[in-house]
Amino acid sequence: MPWEKSFDRDTVLQQSMALFWRKGFKRLSMADIVAATGASRYGLYDEFGDKRDLYLSCLDWYTDYLITGLLGELGTENAGLAALRAYRDRILAGLDIGDNASMGCFMCAAAAEQSAEPAVRERARAHFSRVEAALRTAFENAVAAGEIDERVNPADAAIGLTASVQGLSLFARAGTPADTMRAQLSAVFRAHNID
């Protein structure tokens, strides 16, 4: 009789991602993942491969689902000031979701911990480039529509905002209180003409 998978792939990826995000790659064992997900070790290896492959799948899931949702309208060619404001609001709202508020960005954490791993570096670069490109399009459209001062350089604004937001995720991982993070993020967005 053929073996049948007894878990939902997305659920296991989401649960595993949360574990990797909280503990890091090195401190997390497959036994921890088996205990937290309820999936069998055999089932995990059959579906995802080894711990490294599962980790990379979690990074992909994070990008495909969480970051796509976070970017929202920024992922469209007509994004402008409203999309930039909505992005800001989603980031600020993320500070109010309990334990996750102190986790920062999973991709930043992965890039910091696994900087010697080429597959992680590749995913991190792609992630940062995607965010920057989405922001650049929105800034270009906002400037063209007269929503933001024409002296704003969209490419510079996108690079600066990407670096600032990603950098502030380290403040979150360091346990910076949510009110302080809210003030920091609001200041960053105001500095980039997003009020």
N, C-alpha and C. Protein backbone atom coordinates (compact mmCIF):
# COMPACT_ATOMS: atom_id res chain seq x y z
N MET A 1 0.85 -1.18 0.00
CA MET A 1 0.00 0.00 0.00
C MET A 1 0.89 1.24 0.00
N PRO A 2 0.67 2.19 -0.92
CA PRO A 2 1.51 3.38 -0.97
C PRO A 2 1.31 4.27 0.25
N TRP A 3 2.40 4.97 0.61
CA TRP A 3 2.36 5.89 1.74
C TRP A 3 1.55 7.12 1.37
N GLU A 4 0.74 7.61 2.30
CA GLU A 4 -0.06 8.81 2.05
C GLU A 4 0.35 9.91 3.01
N LYS A 5 0.47 11.10 2.49
CA LYS A 5 0.82 12.27 3.30
C LYS A 5 -0.33 12.56 4.25
N SER A 6 -0.01 12.80 5.53
CA SER A 6 -1.05 13.02 6.53
C SER A 6 -1.04 14.44 7.08
N PHE A 7 -0.54 15.40 6.28
CA PHE A 7 -0.52 16.78 6.75
C PHE A 7 -0.76 17.72 5.57
N ASP A 8 -1.18 18.93 5.91
CA ASP A 8 -1.37 19.96 4.89
C ASP A 8 -0.04 20.69 4.69
N ARG A 9 0.42 20.73 3.46
CA ARG A 9 1.75 21.30 3.15
C ARG A 9 1.88 22.74 3.63
N ASP A 10 0.89 23.58 3.31
CA ASP A 10 0.97 24.99 3.70
C ASP A 10 0.96 25.17 5.21
N THR A 11 0.18 24.35 5.90
CA THR A 11 0.13 24.44 7.36
C THR A 11 1.49 24.09 7.96
N VAL A 12 2.10 23.02 7.46
CA VAL A 12 3.42 22.62 7.97
C VAL A 12 4.47 23.68 7.64
N LEU A 13 4.40 24.26 6.45
CA LEU A 13 5.35 25.32 6.10
C LEU A 13 5.17 26.52 7.01
N GLN A 14 3.94 26.91 7.26
CA GLN A 14 3.69 28.05 8.13
C GLN A 14 4.18 27.77 9.55
N GLN A 15 3.90 26.59 10.07
CA GLN A 15 4.35 26.23 11.42
C GLN A 15 5.87 26.14 11.50
N SER A 16 6.47 25.53 10.50
CA SER A 16 7.93 25.39 10.48
C SER A 16 8.59 26.75 10.33
N MET A 17 8.02 27.60 9.47
CA MET A 17 8.56 28.93 9.29
C MET A 17 8.57 29.69 10.62
N ALA A 18 7.49 29.62 11.37
CA ALA A 18 7.43 30.31 12.66
C ALA A 18 8.53 29.81 13.60
N LEU A 19 8.79 28.50 13.57
CA LEU A 19 9.85 27.93 14.41
C LEU A 19 11.23 28.42 13.98
N PHE A 20 11.51 28.36 12.68
CA PHE A 20 12.79 28.84 12.17
C PHE A 20 12.96 30.33 12.47
N TRP A 21 11.90 31.07 12.30
CA TRP A 21 11.92 32.51 12.51
C TRP A 21 12.26 32.83 13.97
N ARG A 22 11.67 32.08 14.88
CA ARG A 22 11.88 32.31 16.31
C ARG A 22 13.23 31.80 16.79
N LYS A 23 13.57 30.58 16.41
CA LYS A 23 14.76 29.92 16.95
C LYS A 23 16.00 30.06 16.07
N GLY A 24 15.80 30.25 14.78
CA GLY A 24 16.93 30.24 13.86
C GLY A 24 17.18 28.84 13.33
N PHE A 25 17.92 28.75 12.25
CA PHE A 25 18.17 27.47 11.60
C PHE A 25 18.99 26.53 12.49
N LYS A 26 20.04 27.04 13.06
CA LYS A 26 20.99 26.19 13.79
C LYS A 26 20.41 25.62 15.07
N ARG A 27 19.57 26.38 15.75
CA ARG A 27 19.05 25.94 17.04
C ARG A 27 17.82 25.05 16.91
N LEU A 28 17.28 24.90 15.72
CA LEU A 28 16.07 24.13 15.52
C LEU A 28 16.41 22.75 14.97
N SER A 29 15.84 21.72 15.57
CA SER A 29 16.08 20.36 15.09
C SER A 29 14.85 19.82 14.38
N MET A 30 15.06 18.78 13.61
CA MET A 30 13.91 18.13 12.96
C MET A 30 12.96 17.57 14.02
N ALA A 31 13.51 17.14 15.16
CA ALA A 31 12.65 16.64 16.24
C ALA A 31 11.72 17.75 16.74
N ASP A 32 12.25 18.99 16.83
CA ASP A 32 11.41 20.13 17.23
C ASP A 32 10.28 20.34 16.23
N ILE A 33 10.61 20.23 14.95
CA ILE A 33 9.62 20.45 13.89
C ILE A 33 8.56 19.36 13.91
N VAL A 34 8.99 18.12 14.08
CA VAL A 34 8.05 17.00 14.17
C VAL A 34 7.10 17.21 15.35
N ALA A 35 7.66 17.61 16.50
CA ALA A 35 6.83 17.82 17.70
C ALA A 35 5.83 18.95 17.50
N ALA A 36 6.25 20.03 16.87
CA ALA A 36 5.39 21.20 16.71
C ALA A 36 4.33 21.02 15.63
N THR A 37 4.67 20.31 14.57
CA THR A 37 3.74 20.18 13.44
C THR A 37 2.86 18.95 13.52
N GLY A 38 3.33 17.93 14.22
CA GLY A 38 2.60 16.67 14.27
C GLY A 38 2.83 15.80 13.05
N ALA A 39 3.64 16.30 12.12
CA ALA A 39 3.97 15.51 10.92
C ALA A 39 5.06 14.50 11.28
N SER A 40 5.07 13.39 10.59
CA SER A 40 6.12 12.40 10.85
C SER A 40 7.42 12.85 10.21
N ARG A 41 8.52 12.42 10.79
CA ARG A 41 9.84 12.73 10.23
C ARG A 41 9.92 12.22 8.79
N TYR A 42 9.43 11.00 8.56
CA TYR A 42 9.44 10.43 7.22
C TYR A 42 8.64 11.29 6.25
N GLY A 43 7.46 11.74 6.71
CA GLY A 43 6.61 12.57 5.86
C GLY A 43 7.27 13.89 5.52
N LEU A 44 7.94 14.50 6.50
CA LEU A 44 8.64 15.77 6.26
C LEU A 44 9.78 15.58 5.26
N TYR A 45 10.58 14.54 5.46
CA TYR A 45 11.69 14.29 4.53
C TYR A 45 11.17 13.96 3.13
N ASP A 46 10.08 13.22 3.07
CA ASP A 46 9.54 12.85 1.77
C ASP A 46 9.00 14.08 1.02
N GLU A 47 8.35 14.98 1.75
CA GLU A 47 7.74 16.16 1.14
C GLU A 47 8.73 17.29 0.86
N PHE A 48 9.67 17.51 1.80
CA PHE A 48 10.52 18.68 1.72
C PHE A 48 12.01 18.38 1.55
N GLY A 49 12.44 17.19 1.86
CA GLY A 49 13.87 16.91 1.88
C GLY A 49 14.40 17.09 3.30
N ASP A 50 15.67 17.45 3.41
CA ASP A 50 16.27 17.60 4.74
C ASP A 50 15.91 18.95 5.37
N LYS A 51 16.49 19.22 6.54
CA LYS A 51 16.16 20.45 7.27
C LYS A 51 16.48 21.70 6.43
N ARG A 52 17.60 21.68 5.74
CA ARG A 52 17.98 22.82 4.89
C ARG A 52 16.94 23.06 3.80
N ASP A 53 16.50 21.99 3.15
CA ASP A 53 15.49 22.12 2.09
C ASP A 53 14.17 22.64 2.65
N LEU A 54 13.80 22.18 3.84
CA LEU A 54 12.58 22.66 4.48
C LEU A 54 12.72 24.16 4.80
N TYR A 55 13.87 24.55 5.28
CA TYR A 55 14.15 25.95 5.59
C TYR A 55 14.00 26.83 4.34
N LEU A 56 14.58 26.38 3.25
CA LEU A 56 14.46 27.13 2.00
C LEU A 56 13.01 27.20 1.53
N SER A 57 12.27 26.12 1.70
CA SER A 57 10.84 26.12 1.36
C SER A 57 10.07 27.11 2.24
N CYS A 58 10.47 27.23 3.50
CA CYS A 58 9.83 28.19 4.39
C CYS A 58 10.13 29.62 3.95
N LEU A 59 11.35 29.88 3.52
CA LEU A 59 11.69 31.21 3.01
C LEU A 59 10.85 31.53 1.76
N ASP A 60 10.67 30.55 0.90
CA ASP A 60 9.85 30.75 -0.30
C ASP A 60 8.39 30.99 0.08
N TRP A 61 7.89 30.25 1.07
CA TRP A 61 6.51 30.42 1.52
C TRP A 61 6.33 31.82 2.09
N TYR A 62 7.29 32.27 2.87
CA TYR A 62 7.27 33.62 3.46
C TYR A 62 7.15 34.67 2.36
N THR A 63 7.97 34.52 1.33
CA THR A 63 7.94 35.47 0.22
C THR A 63 6.63 35.40 -0.56
N ASP A 64 6.20 34.19 -0.86
CA ASP A 64 5.00 34.02 -1.69
C ASP A 64 3.72 34.49 -1.00
N TYR A 65 3.62 34.24 0.30
CA TYR A 65 2.37 34.54 0.99
C TYR A 65 2.45 35.80 1.85
N LEU A 66 3.37 35.86 2.78
CA LEU A 66 3.40 36.99 3.70
C LEU A 66 3.86 38.28 3.03
N ILE A 67 4.93 38.21 2.26
CA ILE A 67 5.43 39.43 1.64
C ILE A 67 4.50 39.90 0.52
N THR A 68 3.94 39.00 -0.23
CA THR A 68 2.96 39.39 -1.25
C THR A 68 1.80 40.12 -0.59
N GLY A 69 1.33 39.62 0.54
CA GLY A 69 0.26 40.28 1.27
C GLY A 69 0.69 41.62 1.84
N LEU A 70 1.90 41.69 2.36
CA LEU A 70 2.41 42.94 2.92
C LEU A 70 2.55 44.02 1.84
N LEU A 71 3.06 43.64 0.70
CA LEU A 71 3.21 44.62 -0.39
C LEU A 71 1.86 45.07 -0.93
N GLY A 72 0.90 44.15 -0.99
CA GLY A 72 -0.43 44.51 -1.45
C GLY A 72 -0.41 45.21 -2.79
N GLU A 73 -0.97 46.41 -2.83
CA GLU A 73 -1.09 47.18 -4.07
C GLU A 73 0.27 47.60 -4.63
N LEU A 74 1.30 47.58 -3.80
CA LEU A 74 2.63 47.95 -4.30
C LEU A 74 3.09 47.01 -5.39
N GLY A 75 2.52 45.85 -5.46
CA GLY A 75 2.89 44.89 -6.49
C GLY A 75 2.25 45.17 -7.84
N THR A 76 1.51 46.27 -7.95
CA THR A 76 0.83 46.57 -9.22
C THR A 76 1.50 47.75 -9.92
N GLU A 77 1.31 47.83 -11.22
CA GLU A 77 1.97 48.88 -12.01
C GLU A 77 1.36 50.26 -11.79
N ASN A 78 0.15 50.33 -11.23
CA ASN A 78 -0.51 51.62 -11.00
C ASN A 78 -0.38 52.12 -9.57
N ALA A 79 0.44 51.46 -8.76
CA ALA A 79 0.61 51.85 -7.37
C ALA A 79 1.12 53.28 -7.27
N GLY A 80 0.63 54.00 -6.28
CA GLY A 80 1.06 55.37 -6.04
C GLY A 80 1.09 55.66 -4.56
N LEU A 81 0.79 56.91 -4.18
CA LEU A 81 0.86 57.31 -2.78
C LEU A 81 -0.08 56.49 -1.91
N ALA A 82 -1.28 56.19 -2.39
CA ALA A 82 -2.23 55.40 -1.59
C ALA A 82 -1.65 54.02 -1.28
N ALA A 83 -0.96 53.42 -2.24
CA ALA A 83 -0.35 52.10 -2.01
C ALA A 83 0.81 52.20 -1.02
N LEU A 84 1.57 53.28 -1.10
CA LEU A 84 2.66 53.49 -0.14
C LEU A 84 2.12 53.66 1.28
N ARG A 85 1.03 54.40 1.40
CA ARG A 85 0.41 54.58 2.72
C ARG A 85 -0.16 53.27 3.25
N ALA A 86 -0.78 52.49 2.37
CA ALA A 86 -1.35 51.21 2.80
C ALA A 86 -0.24 50.26 3.25
N TYR A 87 0.89 50.28 2.56
CA TYR A 87 2.06 49.47 2.95
C TYR A 87 2.53 49.89 4.34
N ARG A 88 2.65 51.19 4.55
CA ARG A 88 3.04 51.71 5.87
C ARG A 88 2.06 51.22 6.94
N ASP A 89 0.78 51.33 6.65
CA ASP A 89 -0.24 50.96 7.63
C ASP A 89 -0.19 49.47 7.95
N ARG A 90 0.09 48.63 6.94
CA ARG A 90 0.20 47.18 7.21
C ARG A 90 1.41 46.88 8.08
N ILE A 91 2.51 47.57 7.84
CA ILE A 91 3.70 47.36 8.67
C ILE A 91 3.41 47.79 10.10
N LEU A 92 2.81 48.95 10.27
CA LEU A 92 2.48 49.43 11.61
C LEU A 92 1.49 48.49 12.31
N ALA A 93 0.52 47.97 11.57
CA ALA A 93 -0.45 47.04 12.15
C ALA A 93 0.24 45.76 12.61
N GLY A 94 1.32 45.39 11.93
CA GLY A 94 2.07 44.19 12.30
C GLY A 94 2.71 44.29 13.67
N LEU A 95 2.84 45.51 14.18
CA LEU A 95 3.40 45.70 15.52
C LEU A 95 2.42 45.32 16.61
N ASP A 96 1.17 45.10 16.23
CA ASP A 96 0.12 44.81 17.21
C ASP A 96 -0.30 43.35 17.23
N ILE A 97 0.54 42.46 16.69
CA ILE A 97 0.11 41.06 16.59
C ILE A 97 0.86 40.16 17.57
N GLY A 98 0.96 40.60 18.81
CA GLY A 98 1.51 39.77 19.87
C GLY A 98 2.98 39.43 19.70
N ASP A 99 3.28 38.15 19.86
CA ASP A 99 4.68 37.69 19.83
C ASP A 99 5.37 38.00 18.51
N ASN A 100 4.62 38.01 17.41
CA ASN A 100 5.23 38.25 16.11
C ASN A 100 5.80 39.66 15.98
N ALA A 101 5.34 40.59 16.83
CA ALA A 101 5.82 41.96 16.74
C ALA A 101 7.32 42.05 17.00
N SER A 102 7.86 41.11 17.77
CA SER A 102 9.28 41.16 18.10
C SER A 102 10.14 40.30 17.19
N MET A 103 9.55 39.78 16.13
CA MET A 103 10.30 38.87 15.26
C MET A 103 10.98 39.56 14.09
N GLY A 104 10.56 40.78 13.76
CA GLY A 104 11.16 41.47 12.63
C GLY A 104 10.85 40.78 11.32
N CYS A 105 11.80 40.80 10.41
CA CYS A 105 11.63 40.20 9.09
C CYS A 105 12.34 38.85 9.04
N PHE A 106 11.61 37.82 8.66
CA PHE A 106 12.19 36.47 8.57
C PHE A 106 13.34 36.44 7.58
N MET A 107 13.20 37.14 6.46
CA MET A 107 14.25 37.13 5.45
C MET A 107 15.51 37.81 5.96
N CYS A 108 15.35 38.91 6.72
CA CYS A 108 16.51 39.58 7.31
C CYS A 108 17.20 38.67 8.32
N ALA A 109 16.40 38.00 9.14
CA ALA A 109 16.96 37.09 10.13
C ALA A 109 17.71 35.94 9.45
N ALA A 110 17.13 35.43 8.37
CA ALA A 110 17.77 34.34 7.63
C ALA A 110 19.07 34.81 7.00
N ALA A 111 19.05 36.00 6.40
CA ALA A 111 20.25 36.53 5.75
C ALA A 111 21.35 36.75 6.77
N ALA A 112 21.00 37.20 7.96
CA ALA A 112 22.00 37.44 9.00
C ALA A 112 22.57 36.13 9.53
N GLU A 113 21.70 35.16 9.79
CA GLU A 113 22.16 33.90 10.38
C GLU A 113 22.86 33.01 9.36
N GLN A 114 22.35 32.97 8.15
CA GLN A 114 22.84 32.03 7.14
C GLN A 114 23.53 32.75 5.97
N SER A 115 24.32 33.77 6.29
CA SER A 115 24.95 34.58 5.24
C SER A 115 25.93 33.78 4.38
N ALA A 116 26.44 32.67 4.90
CA ALA A 116 27.37 31.85 4.12
C ALA A 116 26.65 30.88 3.19
N GLU A 117 25.34 30.78 3.30
CA GLU A 117 24.55 29.84 2.50
C GLU A 117 24.11 30.53 1.21
N PRO A 118 24.65 30.13 0.06
CA PRO A 118 24.31 30.80 -1.21
C PRO A 118 22.82 30.84 -1.50
N ALA A 119 22.09 29.77 -1.22
CA ALA A 119 20.66 29.74 -1.53
C ALA A 119 19.89 30.75 -0.69
N VAL A 120 20.34 30.99 0.54
CA VAL A 120 19.69 31.98 1.39
C VAL A 120 20.03 33.39 0.89
N ARG A 121 21.30 33.61 0.58
CA ARG A 121 21.71 34.92 0.05
C ARG A 121 20.94 35.27 -1.22
N GLU A 122 20.79 34.29 -2.10
CA GLU A 122 20.06 34.50 -3.36
C GLU A 122 18.61 34.90 -3.09
N ARG A 123 17.97 34.22 -2.16
CA ARG A 123 16.58 34.53 -1.82
C ARG A 123 16.48 35.91 -1.16
N ALA A 124 17.43 36.23 -0.30
CA ALA A 124 17.40 37.53 0.38
C ALA A 124 17.58 38.66 -0.64
N ARG A 125 18.53 38.50 -1.55
CA ARG A 125 18.73 39.54 -2.58
C ARG A 125 17.48 39.70 -3.44
N ALA A 126 16.87 38.59 -3.81
CA ALA A 126 15.64 38.65 -4.62
C ALA A 126 14.53 39.35 -3.84
N HIS A 127 14.43 39.04 -2.57
CA HIS A 127 13.41 39.66 -1.71
C HIS A 127 13.61 41.18 -1.65
N PHE A 128 14.84 41.61 -1.34
CA PHE A 128 15.10 43.04 -1.21
C PHE A 128 14.89 43.75 -2.55
N SER A 129 15.30 43.11 -3.64
CA SER A 129 15.10 43.70 -4.97
C SER A 129 13.62 43.83 -5.31
N ARG A 130 12.84 42.83 -4.94
CA ARG A 130 11.40 42.88 -5.20
C ARG A 130 10.75 44.03 -4.46
N VAL A 131 11.08 44.18 -3.18
CA VAL A 131 10.50 45.26 -2.38
C VAL A 131 10.93 46.61 -2.95
N GLU A 132 12.21 46.74 -3.25
CA GLU A 132 12.72 48.00 -3.80
C GLU A 132 12.05 48.35 -5.13
N ALA A 133 11.89 47.37 -6.01
CA ALA A 133 11.26 47.63 -7.31
C ALA A 133 9.81 48.06 -7.14
N ALA A 134 9.10 47.42 -6.23
CA ALA A 134 7.70 47.79 -5.99
C ALA A 134 7.61 49.21 -5.45
N LEU A 135 8.49 49.55 -4.52
CA LEU A 135 8.49 50.90 -3.96
C LEU A 135 8.87 51.93 -5.03
N ARG A 136 9.85 51.60 -5.86
CA ARG A 136 10.27 52.53 -6.91
C ARG A 136 9.12 52.84 -7.86
N THR A 137 8.39 51.82 -8.27
CA THR A 137 7.24 52.05 -9.15
C THR A 137 6.22 52.96 -8.49
N ALA A 138 5.94 52.72 -7.22
CA ALA A 138 4.96 53.55 -6.51
C ALA A 138 5.45 54.99 -6.38
N PHE A 139 6.73 55.16 -6.07
CA PHE A 139 7.28 56.52 -5.98
C PHE A 139 7.24 57.22 -7.35
N GLU A 140 7.59 56.50 -8.41
CA GLU A 140 7.54 57.08 -9.76
C GLU A 140 6.13 57.55 -10.09
N ASN A 141 5.15 56.70 -9.81
CA ASN A 141 3.76 57.05 -10.10
C ASN A 141 3.28 58.22 -9.24
N ALA A 142 3.69 58.21 -7.97
CA ALA A 142 3.26 59.28 -7.06
C ALA A 142 3.86 60.62 -7.48
N VAL A 143 5.11 60.61 -7.90
CA VAL A 143 5.75 61.85 -8.38
C VAL A 143 5.06 62.31 -9.67
N ALA A 144 4.84 61.39 -10.60
CA ALA A 144 4.21 61.74 -11.88
C ALA A 144 2.80 62.29 -11.69
N ALA A 145 2.09 61.80 -10.67
CA ALA A 145 0.72 62.25 -10.42
C ALA A 145 0.68 63.51 -9.56
N GLY A 146 1.83 64.01 -9.15
CA GLY A 146 1.88 65.19 -8.30
C GLY A 146 1.50 64.92 -6.85
N GLU A 147 1.49 63.65 -6.45
CA GLU A 147 1.13 63.29 -5.07
C GLU A 147 2.32 63.47 -4.12
N ILE A 148 3.51 63.43 -4.68
CA ILE A 148 4.75 63.60 -3.92
C ILE A 148 5.59 64.63 -4.66
N ASP A 149 6.33 65.42 -3.91
CA ASP A 149 7.18 66.48 -4.48
C ASP A 149 8.01 65.95 -5.64
N GLU A 150 8.02 66.70 -6.73
CA GLU A 150 8.73 66.27 -7.95
C GLU A 150 10.24 66.19 -7.76
N ARG A 151 10.74 66.80 -6.69
CA ARG A 151 12.19 66.73 -6.44
C ARG A 151 12.61 65.39 -5.85
N VAL A 152 11.65 64.58 -5.44
CA VAL A 152 11.97 63.25 -4.89
C VAL A 152 12.46 62.36 -6.02
N ASN A 153 13.61 61.74 -5.82
CA ASN A 153 14.15 60.79 -6.78
C ASN A 153 13.57 59.42 -6.43
N PRO A 154 12.69 58.85 -7.27
CA PRO A 154 12.04 57.58 -6.93
C PRO A 154 13.01 56.43 -6.63
N ALA A 155 14.09 56.34 -7.41
CA ALA A 155 15.04 55.25 -7.17
C ALA A 155 15.71 55.40 -5.81
N ASP A 156 16.14 56.62 -5.48
CA ASP A 156 16.77 56.86 -4.18
C ASP A 156 15.80 56.63 -3.04
N ALA A 157 14.55 57.11 -3.22
CA ALA A 157 13.54 56.94 -2.18
C ALA A 157 13.25 55.46 -1.94
N ALA A 158 13.18 54.69 -3.01
CA ALA A 158 12.91 53.24 -2.88
C ALA A 158 14.05 52.52 -2.17
N ILE A 159 15.28 52.85 -2.54
CA ILE A 159 16.44 52.23 -1.88
C ILE A 159 16.46 52.62 -0.40
N GLY A 160 16.26 53.90 -0.13
CA GLY A 160 16.29 54.36 1.25
C GLY A 160 15.21 53.76 2.11
N LEU A 161 14.00 53.68 1.59
CA LEU A 161 12.90 53.13 2.37
C LEU A 161 13.07 51.63 2.58
N THR A 162 13.53 50.94 1.55
CA THR A 162 13.78 49.50 1.69
C THR A 162 14.82 49.26 2.79
N ALA A 163 15.93 49.97 2.72
CA ALA A 163 17.00 49.80 3.71
C ALA A 163 16.52 50.16 5.11
N SER A 164 15.76 51.23 5.23
CA SER A 164 15.28 51.67 6.54
C SER A 164 14.33 50.67 7.17
N VAL A 165 13.35 50.22 6.39
CA VAL A 165 12.36 49.28 6.93
C VAL A 165 13.02 47.95 7.28
N GLN A 166 13.88 47.45 6.40
CA GLN A 166 14.54 46.18 6.68
C GLN A 166 15.47 46.33 7.89
N GLY A 167 16.17 47.45 7.96
CA GLY A 167 17.06 47.69 9.09
C GLY A 167 16.32 47.77 10.41
N LEU A 168 15.15 48.40 10.40
CA LEU A 168 14.37 48.50 11.63
C LEU A 168 13.87 47.14 12.11
N SER A 169 13.85 46.15 11.23
CA SER A 169 13.43 44.82 11.68
C SER A 169 14.41 44.27 12.72
N LEU A 170 15.65 44.73 12.68
CA LEU A 170 16.62 44.32 13.70
C LEU A 170 16.27 44.92 15.06
N PHE A 171 15.71 46.13 15.05
CA PHE A 171 15.26 46.73 16.30
C PHE A 171 14.18 45.84 16.92
N ALA A 172 13.28 45.34 16.08
CA ALA A 172 12.21 44.46 16.57
C ALA A 172 12.80 43.20 17.19
N ARG A 173 13.78 42.59 16.51
CA ARG A 173 14.39 41.36 17.03
C ARG A 173 15.13 41.61 18.33
N ALA A 174 15.57 42.85 18.53
CA ALA A 174 16.28 43.20 19.77
C ALA A 174 15.31 43.51 20.91
N GLY A 175 14.02 43.41 20.64
CA GLY A 175 13.03 43.62 21.69
C GLY A 175 12.61 45.06 21.90
N THR A 176 12.82 45.90 20.90
CA THR A 176 12.39 47.29 21.01
C THR A 176 10.87 47.34 21.23
N PRO A 177 10.40 48.10 22.21
CA PRO A 177 8.96 48.16 22.47
C PRO A 177 8.17 48.61 21.24
N ALA A 178 6.94 48.12 21.13
CA ALA A 178 6.10 48.40 19.96
C ALA A 178 5.88 49.90 19.78
N ASP A 179 5.70 50.66 20.87
CA ASP A 179 5.49 52.10 20.74
C ASP A 179 6.71 52.79 20.14
N THR A 180 7.89 52.35 20.54
CA THR A 180 9.12 52.92 19.99
C THR A 180 9.25 52.55 18.52
N MET A 181 8.97 51.30 18.19
CA MET A 181 9.01 50.86 16.79
C MET A 181 8.01 51.66 15.95
N ARG A 182 6.83 51.90 16.48
CA ARG A 182 5.81 52.65 15.76
C ARG A 182 6.32 54.06 15.46
N ALA A 183 6.96 54.69 16.44
CA ALA A 183 7.50 56.03 16.25
C ALA A 183 8.63 56.02 15.22
N GLN A 184 9.50 55.00 15.30
CA GLN A 184 10.61 54.90 14.35
C GLN A 184 10.11 54.71 12.92
N LEU A 185 9.18 53.78 12.75
CA LEU A 185 8.66 53.52 11.42
C LEU A 185 7.90 54.71 10.86
N SER A 186 7.12 55.37 11.69
CA SER A 186 6.39 56.56 11.24
C SER A 186 7.36 57.63 10.79
N ALA A 187 8.45 57.82 11.53
CA ALA A 187 9.45 58.82 11.16
C ALA A 187 10.11 58.47 9.83
N VAL A 188 10.40 57.20 9.62
CA VAL A 188 11.02 56.76 8.37
C VAL A 188 10.10 57.05 7.19
N PHE A 189 8.83 56.73 7.33
CA PHE A 189 7.89 56.98 6.23
C PHE A 189 7.70 58.48 5.99
N ARG A 190 7.62 59.27 7.07
CA ARG A 190 7.52 60.72 6.88
C ARG A 190 8.74 61.28 6.17
N ALA A 191 9.91 60.76 6.51
CA ALA A 191 11.15 61.22 5.86
C ALA A 191 11.15 60.91 4.38
N HIS A 192 10.35 59.94 3.97
CA HIS A 192 10.25 59.55 2.55
C HIS A 192 8.97 60.09 1.92
N ASN A 193 8.44 61.19 2.50
CA ASN A 193 7.29 61.90 1.94
C ASN A 193 5.99 61.11 1.97
N ILE A 194 5.87 60.19 2.92
CA ILE A 194 4.63 59.41 3.04
C ILE A 194 4.00 59.77 4.38
N ASP A 195 3.07 60.71 4.33
CA ASP A 195 2.37 61.14 5.55
C ASP A 195 0.98 60.58 5.59
